[in-house]
Amino acid sequence: MYKRLAVLVGCNYPSTHFRLRGCINDVVDMRNLLLEKFGFHPNDVRILIDEPLAAWSDFTTVIPTGANIKAALNKMVDQIEPGDVLVFYFSGHGTVVSSLDTGDACIEHEAIVPVI
């Protein structure tokens, strides 16, 4: 049987001038979709959000810092075998960063903005 693994990240950036509303709701909706329509097991869906969610009172909130997102992705990738299904979903701010490679002339890359 193939595994279905997911990392879902929602960043509302509370208490900042860049606050968003609805990103955690997006994660809840994506989780429900994965569980109900695609047969993911709840234990195989890792959630990182930056505000507590009353609906998941037994849920431990993992703050979506860059390090925590990388750790969750590494853990997911370390478990895979051929044929497994992986999902990474991010709801939050994005940005553009210039390439650090001096061989690239003015190349910009899209990036997600984790919680700091």
PDB file of N, CA and C in Angstrom:
ATOM      1  N   MET A   1       0.844  -1.192   0.000  1.00  0.00           N
ATOM      2  CA  MET A   1       0.000   0.000   0.000  1.00  0.00           C
ATOM      3  C   MET A   1       0.880   1.243   0.000  1.00  0.00           C
ATOM      4  N   TYR A   2       0.577   2.165  -0.854  1.00  0.00           N
ATOM      5  CA  TYR A   2       1.350   3.404  -0.946  1.00  0.00           C
ATOM      6  C   TYR A   2       0.950   4.377   0.158  1.00  0.00           C
ATOM      7  N   LYS A   3       1.932   5.132   0.628  1.00  0.00           N
ATOM      8  CA  LYS A   3       1.678   6.145   1.655  1.00  0.00           C
ATOM      9  C   LYS A   3       1.226   7.434   0.989  1.00  0.00           C
ATOM     10  N   ARG A   4       0.406   8.158   1.730  1.00  0.00           N
ATOM     11  CA  ARG A   4      -0.008   9.505   1.342  1.00  0.00           C
ATOM     12  C   ARG A   4       0.402  10.413   2.495  1.00  0.00           C
ATOM     13  N   LEU A   5       1.345  11.320   2.244  1.00  0.00           N
ATOM     14  CA  LEU A   5       1.884  12.193   3.284  1.00  0.00           C
ATOM     15  C   LEU A   5       1.698  13.649   2.870  1.00  0.00           C
ATOM     16  N   ALA A   6       1.436  14.510   3.856  1.00  0.00           N
ATOM     17  CA  ALA A   6       1.236  15.926   3.545  1.00  0.00           C
ATOM     18  C   ALA A   6       1.824  16.811   4.634  1.00  0.00           C
ATOM     19  N   VAL A   7       2.304  17.971   4.201  1.00  0.00           N
ATOM     20  CA  VAL A   7       2.698  19.063   5.089  1.00  0.00           C
ATOM     21  C   VAL A   7       1.873  20.266   4.654  1.00  0.00           C
ATOM     22  N   LEU A   8       1.061  20.778   5.578  1.00  0.00           N
ATOM     23  CA  LEU A   8       0.186  21.917   5.297  1.00  0.00           C
ATOM     24  C   LEU A   8       0.589  23.075   6.189  1.00  0.00           C
ATOM     25  N   VAL A   9       0.819  24.238   5.593  1.00  0.00           N
ATOM     26  CA  VAL A   9       1.322  25.405   6.320  1.00  0.00           C
ATOM     27  C   VAL A   9       0.367  26.582   6.119  1.00  0.00           C
ATOM     28  N   GLY A  10      -0.040  27.199   7.238  1.00  0.00           N
ATOM     29  CA  GLY A  10      -0.883  28.389   7.190  1.00  0.00           C
ATOM     30  C   GLY A  10      -0.296  29.490   8.040  1.00  0.00           C
ATOM     31  N   CYS A  11      -0.015  30.624   7.418  1.00  0.00           N
ATOM     32  CA  CYS A  11       0.587  31.767   8.118  1.00  0.00           C
ATOM     33  C   CYS A  11      -0.329  32.986   8.014  1.00  0.00           C
ATOM     34  N   ASN A  12      -0.952  33.355   9.122  1.00  0.00           N
ATOM     35  CA  ASN A  12      -1.756  34.575   9.174  1.00  0.00           C
ATOM     36  C   ASN A  12      -0.940  35.776   9.652  1.00  0.00           C
ATOM     37  N   TYR A  13       0.258  35.542  10.174  1.00  0.00           N
ATOM     38  CA  TYR A  13       1.146  36.594  10.675  1.00  0.00           C
ATOM     39  C   TYR A  13       0.423  37.509  11.679  1.00  0.00           C
ATOM     40  N   PRO A  14      -0.148  36.942  12.749  1.00  0.00           N
ATOM     41  CA  PRO A  14      -0.881  37.770  13.716  1.00  0.00           C
ATOM     42  C   PRO A  14       0.047  38.769  14.398  1.00  0.00           C
ATOM     43  N   SER A  15      -0.528  39.847  14.840  1.00  0.00           N
ATOM     44  CA  SER A  15       0.206  40.903  15.554  1.00  0.00           C
ATOM     45  C   SER A  15       1.296  41.542  14.698  1.00  0.00           C
ATOM     46  N   THR A  16       1.119  41.527  13.388  1.00  0.00           N
ATOM     47  CA  THR A  16       2.055  42.225  12.493  1.00  0.00           C
ATOM     48  C   THR A  16       1.255  43.143  11.575  1.00  0.00           C
ATOM     49  N   HIS A  17       1.962  44.035  10.909  1.00  0.00           N
ATOM     50  CA  HIS A  17       1.309  44.909   9.930  1.00  0.00           C
ATOM     51  C   HIS A  17       0.972  44.150   8.652  1.00  0.00           C
ATOM     52  N   PHE A  18       1.465  42.941   8.537  1.00  0.00           N
ATOM     53  CA  PHE A  18       1.265  42.140   7.335  1.00  0.00           C
ATOM     54  C   PHE A  18       0.239  41.032   7.555  1.00  0.00           C
ATOM     55  N   ARG A  19      -0.591  41.163   8.585  1.00  0.00           N
ATOM     56  CA  ARG A  19      -1.572  40.145   8.972  1.00  0.00           C
ATOM     57  C   ARG A  19      -2.470  39.765   7.794  1.00  0.00           C
ATOM     58  N   LEU A  20      -2.688  38.473   7.691  1.00  0.00           N
ATOM     59  CA  LEU A  20      -3.649  37.932   6.738  1.00  0.00           C
ATOM     60  C   LEU A  20      -4.778  37.282   7.524  1.00  0.00           C
ATOM     61  N   ARG A  21      -5.884  37.102   6.872  1.00  0.00           N
ATOM     62  CA  ARG A  21      -7.015  36.411   7.495  1.00  0.00           C
ATOM     63  C   ARG A  21      -7.443  35.301   6.538  1.00  0.00           C
ATOM     64  N   GLY A  22      -7.557  34.128   7.055  1.00  0.00           N
ATOM     65  CA  GLY A  22      -8.053  33.036   6.231  1.00  0.00           C
ATOM     66  C   GLY A  22      -7.045  31.966   5.868  1.00  0.00           C
ATOM     67  N   CYS A  23      -5.777  32.189   6.120  1.00  0.00           N
ATOM     68  CA  CYS A  23      -4.768  31.195   5.728  1.00  0.00           C
ATOM     69  C   CYS A  23      -4.895  29.908   6.538  1.00  0.00           C
ATOM     70  N   ILE A  24      -5.228  30.037   7.812  1.00  0.00           N
ATOM     71  CA  ILE A  24      -5.425  28.838   8.622  1.00  0.00           C
ATOM     72  C   ILE A  24      -6.707  28.131   8.191  1.00  0.00           C
ATOM     73  N   ASN A  25      -7.729  28.898   7.836  1.00  0.00           N
ATOM     74  CA  ASN A  25      -8.947  28.291   7.283  1.00  0.00           C
ATOM     75  C   ASN A  25      -8.627  27.516   6.012  1.00  0.00           C
ATOM     76  N   ASP A  26      -7.730  28.046   5.192  1.00  0.00           N
ATOM     77  CA  ASP A  26      -7.310  27.339   3.982  1.00  0.00           C
ATOM     78  C   ASP A  26      -6.697  25.983   4.330  1.00  0.00           C
ATOM     79  N   VAL A  27      -5.863  25.958   5.371  1.00  0.00           N
ATOM     80  CA  VAL A  27      -5.219  24.712   5.796  1.00  0.00           C
ATOM     81  C   VAL A  27      -6.263  23.715   6.299  1.00  0.00           C
ATOM     82  N   VAL A  28      -7.231  24.200   7.067  1.00  0.00           N
ATOM     83  CA  VAL A  28      -8.305  23.331   7.554  1.00  0.00           C
ATOM     84  C   VAL A  28      -9.064  22.721   6.375  1.00  0.00           C
ATOM     85  N   ASP A  29      -9.391  23.563   5.396  1.00  0.00           N
ATOM     86  CA  ASP A  29     -10.110  23.070   4.219  1.00  0.00           C
ATOM     87  C   ASP A  29      -9.275  22.062   3.432  1.00  0.00           C
ATOM     88  N   MET A  30      -7.983  22.320   3.275  1.00  0.00           N
ATOM     89  CA  MET A  30      -7.115  21.397   2.547  1.00  0.00           C
ATOM     90  C   MET A  30      -6.994  20.076   3.303  1.00  0.00           C
ATOM     91  N   ARG A  31      -6.851  20.142   4.618  1.00  0.00           N
ATOM     92  CA  ARG A  31      -6.781  18.917   5.428  1.00  0.00           C
ATOM     93  C   ARG A  31      -8.048  18.091   5.238  1.00  0.00           C
ATOM     94  N   ASN A  32      -9.203  18.742   5.340  1.00  0.00           N
ATOM     95  CA  ASN A  32     -10.469  18.031   5.164  1.00  0.00           C
ATOM     96  C   ASN A  32     -10.567  17.394   3.785  1.00  0.00           C
ATOM     97  N   LEU A  33     -10.140  18.106   2.766  1.00  0.00           N
ATOM     98  CA  LEU A  33     -10.151  17.570   1.409  1.00  0.00           C
ATOM     99  C   LEU A  33      -9.266  16.329   1.305  1.00  0.00           C
ATOM    100  N   LEU A  34      -8.046  16.414   1.840  1.00  0.00           N
ATOM    101  CA  LEU A  34      -7.126  15.281   1.770  1.00  0.00           C
ATOM    102  C   LEU A  34      -7.676  14.065   2.516  1.00  0.00           C
ATOM    103  N   LEU A  35      -8.291  14.294   3.679  1.00  0.00           N
ATOM    104  CA  LEU A  35      -8.821  13.186   4.471  1.00  0.00           C
ATOM    105  C   LEU A  35     -10.074  12.587   3.837  1.00  0.00           C
ATOM    106  N   GLU A  36     -10.998  13.449   3.433  1.00  0.00           N
ATOM    107  CA  GLU A  36     -12.314  12.979   2.987  1.00  0.00           C
ATOM    108  C   GLU A  36     -12.346  12.524   1.525  1.00  0.00           C
ATOM    109  N   LYS A  37     -11.602  13.184   0.664  1.00  0.00           N
ATOM    110  CA  LYS A  37     -11.687  12.874  -0.769  1.00  0.00           C
ATOM    111  C   LYS A  37     -10.526  12.044  -1.292  1.00  0.00           C
ATOM    112  N   PHE A  38      -9.369  12.132  -0.631  1.00  0.00           N
ATOM    113  CA  PHE A  38      -8.180  11.463  -1.157  1.00  0.00           C
ATOM    114  C   PHE A  38      -7.620  10.381  -0.238  1.00  0.00           C
ATOM    115  N   GLY A  39      -8.303  10.094   0.866  1.00  0.00           N
ATOM    116  CA  GLY A  39      -7.939   8.970   1.707  1.00  0.00           C
ATOM    117  C   GLY A  39      -6.677   9.110   2.531  1.00  0.00           C
ATOM    118  N   PHE A  40      -6.239  10.338   2.803  1.00  0.00           N
ATOM    119  CA  PHE A  40      -5.084  10.527   3.681  1.00  0.00           C
ATOM    120  C   PHE A  40      -5.483  10.169   5.112  1.00  0.00           C
ATOM    121  N   HIS A  41      -4.553   9.598   5.867  1.00  0.00           N
ATOM    122  CA  HIS A  41      -4.779   9.305   7.278  1.00  0.00           C
ATOM    123  C   HIS A  41      -4.417  10.557   8.083  1.00  0.00           C
ATOM    124  N   PRO A  42      -5.210  10.907   9.100  1.00  0.00           N
ATOM    125  CA  PRO A  42      -4.922  12.126   9.882  1.00  0.00           C
ATOM    126  C   PRO A  42      -3.497  12.184  10.437  1.00  0.00           C
ATOM    127  N   ASN A  43      -2.931  11.042  10.806  1.00  0.00           N
ATOM    128  CA  ASN A  43      -1.572  11.032  11.358  1.00  0.00           C
ATOM    129  C   ASN A  43      -0.502  11.311  10.307  1.00  0.00           C
ATOM    130  N   ASP A  44      -0.872  11.245   9.040  1.00  0.00           N
ATOM    131  CA  ASP A  44       0.083  11.468   7.955  1.00  0.00           C
ATOM    132  C   ASP A  44      -0.006  12.875   7.364  1.00  0.00           C
ATOM    133  N   VAL A  45      -0.805  13.729   8.006  1.00  0.00           N
ATOM    134  CA  VAL A  45      -0.947  15.121   7.563  1.00  0.00           C
ATOM    135  C   VAL A  45      -0.372  16.004   8.659  1.00  0.00           C
ATOM    136  N   ARG A  46       0.772  16.609   8.381  1.00  0.00           N
ATOM    137  CA  ARG A  46       1.465  17.476   9.350  1.00  0.00           C
ATOM    138  C   ARG A  46       0.982  18.910   9.141  1.00  0.00           C
ATOM    139  N   ILE A  47       0.557  19.555  10.230  1.00  0.00           N
ATOM    140  CA  ILE A  47       0.001  20.911  10.183  1.00  0.00           C
ATOM    141  C   ILE A  47       0.939  21.874  10.891  1.00  0.00           C
ATOM    142  N   LEU A  48       1.253  22.999  10.230  1.00  0.00           N
ATOM    143  CA  LEU A  48       2.023  24.077  10.853  1.00  0.00           C
ATOM    144  C   LEU A  48       1.211  25.356  10.689  1.00  0.00           C
ATOM    145  N   ILE A  49       0.790  25.945  11.803  1.00  0.00           N
ATOM    146  CA  ILE A  49       0.005  27.180  11.776  1.00  0.00           C
ATOM    147  C   ILE A  49       0.519  28.123  12.857  1.00  0.00           C
ATOM    148  N   ASP A  50       0.254  29.422  12.670  1.00  0.00           N
ATOM    149  CA  ASP A  50       0.803  30.408  13.601  1.00  0.00           C
ATOM    150  C   ASP A  50      -0.217  30.972  14.589  1.00  0.00           C
ATOM    151  N   GLU A  51      -1.390  30.350  14.683  1.00  0.00           N
ATOM    152  CA  GLU A  51      -2.382  30.727  15.678  1.00  0.00           C
ATOM    153  C   GLU A  51      -3.060  29.451  16.166  1.00  0.00           C
ATOM    154  N   PRO A  52      -3.399  29.379  17.455  1.00  0.00           N
ATOM    155  CA  PRO A  52      -4.097  28.188  17.938  1.00  0.00           C
ATOM    156  C   PRO A  52      -5.460  28.064  17.260  1.00  0.00           C
ATOM    157  N   LEU A  53      -5.893  26.843  17.112  1.00  0.00           N
ATOM    158  CA  LEU A  53      -7.167  26.589  16.454  1.00  0.00           C
ATOM    159  C   LEU A  53      -8.070  25.854  17.437  1.00  0.00           C
ATOM    160  N   ALA A  54      -9.124  26.523  17.884  1.00  0.00           N
ATOM    161  CA  ALA A  54     -10.017  25.964  18.904  1.00  0.00           C
ATOM    162  C   ALA A  54     -10.634  24.643  18.462  1.00  0.00           C
ATOM    163  N   ALA A  55     -10.886  24.483  17.177  1.00  0.00           N
ATOM    164  CA  ALA A  55     -11.518  23.262  16.680  1.00  0.00           C
ATOM    165  C   ALA A  55     -10.637  22.037  16.898  1.00  0.00           C
ATOM    166  N   TRP A  56      -9.337  22.243  17.025  1.00  0.00           N
ATOM    167  CA  TRP A  56      -8.411  21.137  17.250  1.00  0.00           C
ATOM    168  C   TRP A  56      -7.814  21.290  18.632  1.00  0.00           C
ATOM    169  N   SER A  57      -8.631  21.178  19.668  1.00  0.00           N
ATOM    170  CA  SER A  57      -8.150  21.405  21.032  1.00  0.00           C
ATOM    171  C   SER A  57      -7.073  20.403  21.437  1.00  0.00           C
ATOM    172  N   ASP A  58      -7.087  19.219  20.840  1.00  0.00           N
ATOM    173  CA  ASP A  58      -6.075  18.222  21.167  1.00  0.00           C
ATOM    174  C   ASP A  58      -4.854  18.329  20.256  1.00  0.00           C
ATOM    175  N   PHE A  59      -4.833  19.358  19.446  1.00  0.00           N
ATOM    176  CA  PHE A  59      -3.799  19.533  18.431  1.00  0.00           C
ATOM    177  C   PHE A  59      -2.691  20.432  18.953  1.00  0.00           C
ATOM    178  N   THR A  60      -1.466  19.991  18.854  1.00  0.00           N
ATOM    179  CA  THR A  60      -0.318  20.796  19.255  1.00  0.00           C
ATOM    180  C   THR A  60       0.086  21.683  18.091  1.00  0.00           C
ATOM    181  N   THR A  61       0.077  22.985  18.307  1.00  0.00           N
ATOM    182  CA  THR A  61       0.429  23.919  17.248  1.00  0.00           C
ATOM    183  C   THR A  61       1.939  23.961  17.060  1.00  0.00           C
ATOM    184  N   VAL A  62       2.371  23.752  15.832  1.00  0.00           N
ATOM    185  CA  VAL A  62       3.776  23.900  15.475  1.00  0.00           C
ATOM    186  C   VAL A  62       3.882  25.189  14.673  1.00  0.00           C
ATOM    187  N   ILE A  63       4.684  26.127  15.141  1.00  0.00           N
ATOM    188  CA  ILE A  63       4.827  27.423  14.487  1.00  0.00           C
ATOM    189  C   ILE A  63       5.574  27.241  13.160  1.00  0.00           C
ATOM    190  N   PRO A  64       5.067  27.813  12.075  1.00  0.00           N
ATOM    191  CA  PRO A  64       5.696  27.632  10.762  1.00  0.00           C
ATOM    192  C   PRO A  64       6.899  28.545  10.511  1.00  0.00           C
ATOM    193  N   THR A  65       7.937  28.354  11.314  1.00  0.00           N
ATOM    194  CA  THR A  65       9.195  29.051  11.038  1.00  0.00           C
ATOM    195  C   THR A  65       9.871  28.355   9.860  1.00  0.00           C
ATOM    196  N   GLY A  66      10.862  28.998   9.292  1.00  0.00           N
ATOM    197  CA  GLY A  66      11.604  28.375   8.199  1.00  0.00           C
ATOM    198  C   GLY A  66      12.187  27.040   8.616  1.00  0.00           C
ATOM    199  N   ALA A  67      12.768  26.981   9.818  1.00  0.00           N
ATOM    200  CA  ALA A  67      13.384  25.746  10.315  1.00  0.00           C
ATOM    201  C   ALA A  67      12.344  24.650  10.514  1.00  0.00           C
ATOM    202  N   ASN A  68      11.176  25.002  11.059  1.00  0.00           N
ATOM    203  CA  ASN A  68      10.138  23.995  11.292  1.00  0.00           C
ATOM    204  C   ASN A  68       9.545  23.479   9.977  1.00  0.00           C
ATOM    205  N   ILE A  69       9.385  24.354   8.997  1.00  0.00           N
ATOM    206  CA  ILE A  69       8.878  23.922   7.693  1.00  0.00           C
ATOM    207  C   ILE A  69       9.880  22.972   7.035  1.00  0.00           C
ATOM    208  N   LYS A  70      11.157  23.345   7.065  1.00  0.00           N
ATOM    209  CA  LYS A  70      12.194  22.473   6.483  1.00  0.00           C
ATOM    210  C   LYS A  70      12.231  21.124   7.197  1.00  0.00           C
ATOM    211  N   ALA A  71      12.120  21.129   8.521  1.00  0.00           N
ATOM    212  CA  ALA A  71      12.151  19.877   9.287  1.00  0.00           C
ATOM    213  C   ALA A  71      10.959  18.986   8.921  1.00  0.00           C
ATOM    214  N   ALA A  72       9.778  19.586   8.780  1.00  0.00           N
ATOM    215  CA  ALA A  72       8.584  18.813   8.414  1.00  0.00           C
ATOM    216  C   ALA A  72       8.726  18.239   7.010  1.00  0.00           C
ATOM    217  N   LEU A  73       9.260  19.023   6.087  1.00  0.00           N
ATOM    218  CA  LEU A  73       9.466  18.528   4.723  1.00  0.00           C
ATOM    219  C   LEU A  73      10.514  17.424   4.698  1.00  0.00           C
ATOM    220  N   ASN A  74      11.610  17.604   5.437  1.00  0.00           N
ATOM    221  CA  ASN A  74      12.649  16.564   5.496  1.00  0.00           C
ATOM    222  C   ASN A  74      12.104  15.261   6.079  1.00  0.00           C
ATOM    223  N   LYS A  75      11.303  15.371   7.138  1.00  0.00           N
ATOM    224  CA  LYS A  75      10.710  14.180   7.745  1.00  0.00           C
ATOM    225  C   LYS A  75       9.808  13.464   6.745  1.00  0.00           C
ATOM    226  N   MET A  76       9.023  14.240   6.001  1.00  0.00           N
ATOM    227  CA  MET A  76       8.139  13.648   4.998  1.00  0.00           C
ATOM    228  C   MET A  76       8.952  12.949   3.908  1.00  0.00           C
ATOM    229  N   VAL A  77       9.969  13.617   3.402  1.00  0.00           N
ATOM    230  CA  VAL A  77      10.777  13.066   2.313  1.00  0.00           C
ATOM    231  C   VAL A  77      11.553  11.829   2.778  1.00  0.00           C
ATOM    232  N   ASP A  78      11.978  11.814   4.026  1.00  0.00           N
ATOM    233  CA  ASP A  78      12.728  10.670   4.551  1.00  0.00           C
ATOM    234  C   ASP A  78      11.890   9.390   4.604  1.00  0.00           C
ATOM    235  N   GLN A  79      10.569   9.519   4.578  1.00  0.00           N
ATOM    236  CA  GLN A  79       9.683   8.364   4.699  1.00  0.00           C
ATOM    237  C   GLN A  79       9.249   7.771   3.365  1.00  0.00           C
ATOM    238  N   ILE A  80       9.520   8.450   2.272  1.00  0.00           N
ATOM    239  CA  ILE A  80       8.906   8.052   1.000  1.00  0.00           C
ATOM    240  C   ILE A  80       9.567   6.843   0.361  1.00  0.00           C
ATOM    241  N   GLU A  81       8.752   6.199  -0.436  1.00  0.00           N
ATOM    242  CA  GLU A  81       9.182   5.093  -1.273  1.00  0.00           C
ATOM    243  C   GLU A  81       8.555   5.311  -2.643  1.00  0.00           C
ATOM    244  N   PRO A  82       9.056   4.636  -3.668  1.00  0.00           N
ATOM    245  CA  PRO A  82       8.462   4.810  -5.004  1.00  0.00           C
ATOM    246  C   PRO A  82       6.953   4.578  -4.978  1.00  0.00           C
ATOM    247  N   GLY A  83       6.227   5.475  -5.614  1.00  0.00           N
ATOM    248  CA  GLY A  83       4.777   5.372  -5.705  1.00  0.00           C
ATOM    249  C   GLY A  83       4.015   6.130  -4.638  1.00  0.00           C
ATOM    250  N   ASP A  84       4.702   6.596  -3.581  1.00  0.00           N
ATOM    251  CA  ASP A  84       4.030   7.353  -2.530  1.00  0.00           C
ATOM    252  C   ASP A  84       3.572   8.706  -3.067  1.00  0.00           C
ATOM    253  N   VAL A  85       2.578   9.274  -2.397  1.00  0.00           N
ATOM    254  CA  VAL A  85       2.033  10.577  -2.775  1.00  0.00           C
ATOM    255  C   VAL A  85       2.418  11.590  -1.706  1.00  0.00           C
ATOM    256  N   LEU A  86       3.020  12.699  -2.130  1.00  0.00           N
ATOM    257  CA  LEU A  86       3.407  13.777  -1.215  1.00  0.00           C
ATOM    258  C   LEU A  86       2.678  15.059  -1.594  1.00  0.00           C
ATOM    259  N   VAL A  87       2.245  15.799  -0.568  1.00  0.00           N
ATOM    260  CA  VAL A  87       1.593  17.089  -0.795  1.00  0.00           C
ATOM    261  C   VAL A  87       2.257  18.114   0.109  1.00  0.00           C
ATOM    262  N   PHE A  88       2.646  19.247  -0.478  1.00  0.00           N
ATOM    263  CA  PHE A  88       3.066  20.407   0.301  1.00  0.00           C
ATOM    264  C   PHE A  88       2.133  21.542  -0.076  1.00  0.00           C
ATOM    265  N   TYR A  89       1.498  22.146   0.939  1.00  0.00           N
ATOM    266  CA  TYR A  89       0.542  23.219   0.702  1.00  0.00           C
ATOM    267  C   TYR A  89       0.915  24.387   1.604  1.00  0.00           C
ATOM    268  N   PHE A  90       0.991  25.575   1.027  1.00  0.00           N
ATOM    269  CA  PHE A  90       1.340  26.781   1.782  1.00  0.00           C
ATOM    270  C   PHE A  90       0.309  27.857   1.515  1.00  0.00           C
ATOM    271  N   SER A  91      -0.224  28.451   2.580  1.00  0.00           N
ATOM    272  CA  SER A  91      -1.115  29.596   2.470  1.00  0.00           C
ATOM    273  C   SER A  91      -0.521  30.700   3.334  1.00  0.00           C
ATOM    274  N   GLY A  92      -0.101  31.769   2.694  1.00  0.00           N
ATOM    275  CA  GLY A  92       0.540  32.882   3.385  1.00  0.00           C
ATOM    276  C   GLY A  92       1.167  33.806   2.361  1.00  0.00           C
ATOM    277  N   HIS A  93       2.050  34.669   2.824  1.00  0.00           N
ATOM    278  CA  HIS A  93       2.715  35.608   1.922  1.00  0.00           C
ATOM    279  C   HIS A  93       3.803  34.918   1.104  1.00  0.00           C
ATOM    280  N   GLY A  94       4.004  35.423  -0.090  1.00  0.00           N
ATOM    281  CA  GLY A  94       5.113  35.010  -0.931  1.00  0.00           C
ATOM    282  C   GLY A  94       5.954  36.230  -1.253  1.00  0.00           C
ATOM    283  N   THR A  95       7.118  35.994  -1.800  1.00  0.00           N
ATOM    284  CA  THR A  95       8.016  37.091  -2.151  1.00  0.00           C
ATOM    285  C   THR A  95       8.889  36.671  -3.324  1.00  0.00           C
ATOM    286  N   VAL A  96       9.711  37.565  -3.768  1.00  0.00           N
ATOM    287  CA  VAL A  96      10.686  37.296  -4.823  1.00  0.00           C
ATOM    288  C   VAL A  96      12.062  37.638  -4.269  1.00  0.00           C
ATOM    289  N   VAL A  97      13.020  36.726  -4.469  1.00  0.00           N
ATOM    290  CA  VAL A  97      14.384  36.967  -4.022  1.00  0.00           C
ATOM    291  C   VAL A  97      15.331  36.844  -5.204  1.00  0.00           C
ATOM    292  N   SER A  98      16.379  37.645  -5.193  1.00  0.00           N
ATOM    293  CA  SER A  98      17.381  37.586  -6.254  1.00  0.00           C
ATOM    294  C   SER A  98      18.277  36.383  -6.048  1.00  0.00           C
ATOM    295  N   SER A  99      18.768  35.841  -7.127  1.00  0.00           N
ATOM    296  CA  SER A  99      19.653  34.683  -7.069  1.00  0.00           C
ATOM    297  C   SER A  99      20.939  35.034  -6.346  1.00  0.00           C
ATOM    298  N   LEU A 100      21.399  34.099  -5.516  1.00  0.00           N
ATOM    299  CA  LEU A 100      22.662  34.290  -4.810  1.00  0.00           C
ATOM    300  C   LEU A 100      23.841  33.863  -5.670  1.00  0.00           C
ATOM    301  N   ASP A 101      23.562  33.163  -6.742  1.00  0.00           N
ATOM    302  CA  ASP A 101      24.599  32.684  -7.651  1.00  0.00           C
ATOM    303  C   ASP A 101      24.990  33.833  -8.580  1.00  0.00           C
ATOM    304  N   THR A 102      26.215  34.311  -8.489  1.00  0.00           N
ATOM    305  CA  THR A 102      26.652  35.449  -9.307  1.00  0.00           C
ATOM    306  C   THR A 102      26.698  35.104 -10.788  1.00  0.00           C
ATOM    307  N   GLY A 103      26.641  33.823 -11.112  1.00  0.00           N
ATOM    308  CA  GLY A 103      26.613  33.417 -12.521  1.00  0.00           C
ATOM    309  C   GLY A 103      25.263  33.673 -13.165  1.00  0.00           C
ATOM    310  N   ASP A 104      24.225  33.881 -12.355  1.00  0.00           N
ATOM    311  CA  ASP A 104      22.889  34.163 -12.872  1.00  0.00           C
ATOM    312  C   ASP A 104      22.702  35.669 -12.972  1.00  0.00           C
ATOM    313  N   ALA A 105      22.475  36.148 -14.164  1.00  0.00           N
ATOM    314  CA  ALA A 105      22.285  37.583 -14.363  1.00  0.00           C
ATOM    315  C   ALA A 105      20.845  37.967 -14.067  1.00  0.00           C
ATOM    316  N   CYS A 106      20.631  38.644 -12.943  1.00  0.00           N
ATOM    317  CA  CYS A 106      19.327  39.201 -12.577  1.00  0.00           C
ATOM    318  C   CYS A 106      18.199  38.170 -12.580  1.00  0.00           C
ATOM    319  N   ILE A 107      18.469  36.985 -12.089  1.00  0.00           N
ATOM    320  CA  ILE A 107      17.419  35.975 -12.002  1.00  0.00           C
ATOM    321  C   ILE A 107      16.765  36.082 -10.635  1.00  0.00           C
ATOM    322  N   GLU A 108      15.432  36.118 -10.636  1.00  0.00           N
ATOM    323  CA  GLU A 108      14.693  36.173  -9.389  1.00  0.00           C
ATOM    324  C   GLU A 108      13.932  34.870  -9.203  1.00  0.00           C
ATOM    325  N   HIS A 109      13.775  34.479  -7.947  1.00  0.00           N
ATOM    326  CA  HIS A 109      13.090  33.236  -7.605  1.00  0.00           C
ATOM    327  C   HIS A 109      11.936  33.548  -6.660  1.00  0.00           C
ATOM    328  N   GLU A 110      10.835  32.832  -6.822  1.00  0.00           N
ATOM    329  CA  GLU A 110       9.722  32.981  -5.893  1.00  0.00           C
ATOM    330  C   GLU A 110      10.028  32.229  -4.617  1.00  0.00           C
ATOM    331  N   ALA A 111       9.529  32.743  -3.487  1.00  0.00           N
ATOM    332  CA  ALA A 111       9.784  32.113  -2.191  1.00  0.00           C
ATOM    333  C   ALA A 111       8.573  32.305  -1.289  1.00  0.00           C
ATOM    334  N   ILE A 112       8.392  31.370  -0.363  1.00  0.00           N
ATOM    335  CA  ILE A 112       7.360  31.535   0.649  1.00  0.00           C
ATOM    336  C   ILE A 112       7.942  32.361   1.791  1.00  0.00           C
ATOM    337  N   VAL A 113       7.048  32.974   2.586  1.00  0.00           N
ATOM    338  CA  VAL A 113       7.488  33.783   3.723  1.00  0.00           C
ATOM    339  C   VAL A 113       7.026  33.090   4.999  1.00  0.00           C
ATOM    340  N   PRO A 114       7.941  32.393   5.679  1.00  0.00           N
ATOM    341  CA  PRO A 114       7.565  31.744   6.937  1.00  0.00           C
ATOM    342  C   PRO A 114       7.439  32.771   8.061  1.00  0.00           C
ATOM    343  N   VAL A 115       6.980  32.317   9.200  1.00  0.00           N
ATOM    344  CA  VAL A 115       6.916  33.168  10.387  1.00  0.00           C
ATOM    345  C   VAL A 115       8.322  33.235  10.969  1.00  0.00           C
ATOM    346  N   ILE A 116       8.721  34.407  11.393  1.00  0.00           N
ATOM    347  CA  ILE A 116      10.081  34.565  11.914  1.00  0.00           C
ATOM    348  C   ILE A 116      10.088  34.361  13.410  1.00  0.00           C
TER     349      ILE A 116
END
